[in-house]
Amino acid sequence: MTLLYGALIGLVNGFFASGGGIAAVLILERFLKAETKKAHATAIAVILPLSVASLAVYGIKGYIDWPLVVKASIGGALGAAVGAKLLGELPKKYIKIGFGAVMIFAGAKMIMG
């Protein structure tokens, strides 16, 4: 069953360009019964190879703006380090509230355009 969940996460990741992280956290917590902090951290590890596979496909098709990748990656790496540090220190309750708020905001933004 875990392989099937992994395939679903990979499909979402490839289609939505790394949106698989949200799916990974939900599946790891709800269906595979991972503890909240471990689910979030494990999702990052799961997404890495999926993102590399998606990167190869998008790169071959010429869809990647490489100068933008470099600029966004610098800020992204700094933000990721801060986020990982916070994940280790915040109580589970606040992680769930923050994750839910981000999902609601992203969903509303997508619906409203």
Protein backbone atom coordinates (compact mmCIF):
# COMPACT_ATOMS: atom_id res chain seq x y z
CA MET A 1 0.00 0.00 0.00
CA THR A 2 2.90 2.35 0.74
CA LEU A 3 4.07 2.03 -2.89
CA LEU A 4 0.61 3.02 -4.10
CA TYR A 5 0.63 6.07 -1.81
CA GLY A 6 4.11 6.92 -3.12
CA ALA A 7 2.86 6.71 -6.71
CA LEU A 8 -0.03 9.05 -5.85
CA ILE A 9 2.37 11.53 -4.24
CA GLY A 10 4.64 11.34 -7.30
CA LEU A 11 1.72 11.95 -9.65
CA VAL A 12 0.62 15.02 -7.70
CA ASN A 13 4.23 16.24 -7.51
CA GLY A 14 4.80 15.87 -11.24
CA PHE A 15 1.50 17.44 -12.20
CA PHE A 16 1.52 20.36 -9.76
CA ALA A 17 5.32 20.90 -9.70
CA SER A 18 6.12 19.85 -6.13
CA GLY A 19 2.56 20.08 -4.80
CA GLY A 20 3.23 16.51 -3.78
CA GLY A 21 4.61 17.74 -0.46
CA ILE A 22 1.13 18.56 0.75
CA ALA A 23 -0.15 15.18 -0.42
CA ALA A 24 2.85 13.47 1.20
CA VAL A 25 2.24 15.06 4.60
CA LEU A 26 -1.46 14.19 4.51
CA ILE A 27 -0.85 10.59 3.44
CA LEU A 28 2.03 10.08 5.89
CA GLU A 29 -0.05 11.39 8.81
CA ARG A 30 -3.50 10.06 8.00
CA PHE A 31 -2.89 6.75 6.29
CA LEU A 32 0.60 5.70 7.32
CA LYS A 33 0.18 7.02 10.89
CA ALA A 34 3.43 9.00 11.01
CA GLU A 35 3.82 11.49 13.86
CA THR A 36 3.35 15.13 12.72
CA LYS A 37 6.98 16.28 12.83
CA LYS A 38 8.21 13.04 11.25
CA ALA A 39 5.56 13.31 8.53
CA HIS A 40 6.66 16.83 7.59
CA ALA A 41 10.37 15.94 7.65
CA THR A 42 9.82 12.66 5.80
CA ALA A 43 7.77 14.48 3.14
CA ILE A 44 10.84 16.59 2.36
CA ALA A 45 12.95 13.47 1.90
CA VAL A 46 10.24 11.86 -0.28
CA ILE A 47 9.87 14.96 -2.44
CA LEU A 48 13.57 15.23 -3.30
CA PRO A 49 13.74 12.25 -5.70
CA LEU A 50 10.28 13.09 -7.06
CA SER A 51 11.37 16.65 -7.77
CA VAL A 52 14.54 15.43 -9.49
CA ALA A 53 12.43 13.18 -11.75
CA SER A 54 10.03 16.05 -12.52
CA LEU A 55 13.00 18.37 -13.11
CA ALA A 56 14.38 15.99 -15.74
CA VAL A 57 11.08 15.87 -17.63
CA TYR A 58 10.46 19.63 -17.42
CA GLY A 59 14.10 20.33 -18.34
CA ILE A 60 14.00 18.11 -21.42
CA LYS A 61 10.87 19.93 -22.57
CA GLY A 62 12.54 23.32 -22.06
CA TYR A 63 10.04 24.59 -19.48
CA ILE A 64 12.62 25.76 -16.91
CA ASP A 65 13.76 29.36 -16.50
CA TRP A 66 17.27 28.64 -15.17
CA PRO A 67 18.19 32.21 -14.15
CA LEU A 68 14.97 32.34 -12.13
CA VAL A 69 15.82 28.96 -10.58
CA VAL A 70 19.14 30.29 -9.29
CA LYS A 71 17.61 33.44 -7.80
CA ALA A 72 14.63 31.68 -6.21
CA SER A 73 16.77 28.81 -4.90
CA ILE A 74 18.97 31.10 -2.82
CA GLY A 75 16.01 32.53 -0.94
CA GLY A 76 14.32 29.15 -0.88
CA ALA A 77 17.32 27.47 0.74
CA LEU A 78 17.48 30.12 3.44
CA GLY A 79 13.74 29.81 4.09
CA ALA A 80 13.97 26.02 4.15
CA ALA A 81 16.70 26.13 6.79
CA VAL A 82 14.61 28.44 8.99
CA GLY A 83 11.50 26.31 8.45
CA ALA A 84 13.33 23.08 9.33
CA LYS A 85 14.67 24.68 12.50
CA LEU A 86 11.18 25.85 13.47
CA LEU A 87 9.69 22.41 12.77
CA GLY A 88 12.04 20.92 15.34
CA GLU A 89 11.11 23.47 18.00
CA LEU A 90 7.39 24.20 17.59
CA PRO A 91 4.71 22.12 19.31
CA LYS A 92 2.70 19.80 17.06
CA LYS A 93 -0.43 21.93 17.56
CA TYR A 94 1.16 25.01 15.98
CA ILE A 95 2.60 23.01 13.10
CA LYS A 96 -0.85 21.66 12.28
CA ILE A 97 -2.44 25.13 12.53
CA GLY A 98 0.24 26.65 10.30
CA PHE A 99 0.02 23.84 7.75
CA GLY A 100 -3.77 24.10 7.65
CA ALA A 101 -3.62 27.88 7.26
CA VAL A 102 -1.21 27.58 4.33
CA MET A 103 -3.46 24.99 2.68
CA ILE A 104 -6.55 27.19 3.12
CA PHE A 105 -4.73 30.26 1.80
CA ALA A 106 -3.34 28.36 -1.20
CA GLY A 107 -6.73 26.81 -1.99
CA ALA A 108 -8.54 30.15 -1.77
CA LYS A 109 -5.88 31.80 -3.94
CA MET A 110 -6.26 29.09 -6.58
CA ILE A 111 -10.04 29.27 -6.59
CA MET A 112 -10.11 33.06 -6.80
CA GLY A 113 -7.35 33.25 -9.39
